[in-house]
Amino acid sequence: MKFHPREDETNRALLARGERLYESSLGEKREKIAQILADFDRILEKQNPVEIKKAATQLDSILNQLDTEEWL
């Protein structure tokens, strides 16, 4: 049975982590997180595994940066 990439455990975890950061952020940082999550969601909609893997790696890196330092 085939499932949408949004249902993949890794992708769900990344989206949940991004949403938590979004909820705890303000101003420009919050807007940037919203844009990053929207971009990732658009890539998930395309259902291209190569693009999704690349985007997930980039999103993870950005979220790590946002978690560990003042960004923007």
Protein backbone atom coordinates (compact mmCIF):
# COMPACT_ATOMS: atom_id res chain seq x y z
CA MET A 1 0.00 0.00 0.00
CA LYS A 2 1.38 3.38 -1.04
CA PHE A 3 1.15 6.36 1.28
CA HIS A 4 1.74 10.08 0.89
CA PRO A 5 5.23 11.31 1.85
CA ARG A 6 3.61 13.58 4.43
CA GLU A 7 2.72 10.42 6.37
CA ASP A 8 6.36 9.29 6.53
CA GLU A 9 7.53 9.28 10.14
CA THR A 10 10.63 11.39 9.42
CA ASN A 11 8.68 14.01 7.51
CA ARG A 12 5.96 14.14 10.16
CA ALA A 13 8.59 14.65 12.86
CA LEU A 14 10.22 17.48 10.90
CA LEU A 15 6.88 19.20 10.35
CA ALA A 16 5.92 18.82 14.02
CA ARG A 17 9.28 20.21 15.12
CA GLY A 18 8.91 23.15 12.75
CA GLU A 19 5.40 23.83 14.01
CA ARG A 20 6.62 23.85 17.62
CA LEU A 21 9.33 26.36 16.71
CA TYR A 22 6.78 28.45 14.83
CA GLU A 23 4.46 28.54 17.83
CA SER A 24 7.26 29.64 20.16
CA SER A 25 8.67 32.33 17.84
CA LEU A 26 7.74 35.91 17.10
CA GLY A 27 8.10 38.45 14.32
CA GLU A 28 10.42 37.86 11.39
CA LYS A 29 11.67 34.56 12.78
CA ARG A 30 8.11 33.24 12.91
CA GLU A 31 7.39 34.43 9.35
CA LYS A 32 10.58 32.76 8.09
CA ILE A 33 9.64 29.46 9.76
CA ALA A 34 6.18 29.63 8.18
CA GLN A 35 7.75 30.13 4.75
CA ILE A 36 10.22 27.28 5.24
CA LEU A 37 7.43 24.90 6.31
CA ALA A 38 5.25 25.96 3.37
CA ASP A 39 8.14 25.31 0.98
CA PHE A 40 8.68 21.84 2.47
CA ASP A 41 4.96 21.10 2.21
CA ARG A 42 5.00 22.03 -1.50
CA ILE A 43 7.88 19.63 -2.07
CA LEU A 44 6.01 16.87 -0.24
CA GLU A 45 3.02 17.46 -2.54
CA LYS A 46 5.20 16.73 -5.59
CA GLN A 47 5.94 13.27 -4.12
CA ASN A 48 9.43 13.16 -5.66
CA PRO A 49 11.57 11.05 -3.26
CA VAL A 50 14.87 12.65 -4.33
CA GLU A 51 13.58 16.19 -3.84
CA ILE A 52 11.93 15.26 -0.54
CA LYS A 53 15.10 13.72 0.87
CA LYS A 54 17.14 16.80 -0.09
CA ALA A 55 14.53 19.19 1.32
CA ALA A 56 14.21 17.16 4.54
CA THR A 57 17.96 17.34 5.07
CA GLN A 58 17.90 21.10 4.52
CA LEU A 59 14.90 21.57 6.80
CA ASP A 60 16.56 19.54 9.55
CA SER A 61 19.67 21.70 9.28
CA ILE A 62 17.66 24.92 9.45
CA LEU A 63 15.64 23.68 12.42
CA ASN A 64 18.85 22.71 14.22
CA GLN A 65 20.17 26.21 13.63
CA LEU A 66 16.95 27.77 14.87
CA ASP A 67 17.01 25.57 17.98
CA THR A 68 20.56 26.46 18.94
CA GLU A 69 20.95 30.14 18.20
CA GLU A 70 19.24 33.43 17.74
CA TRP A 71 18.37 33.50 14.03
CA LEU A 72 17.40 36.48 11.89
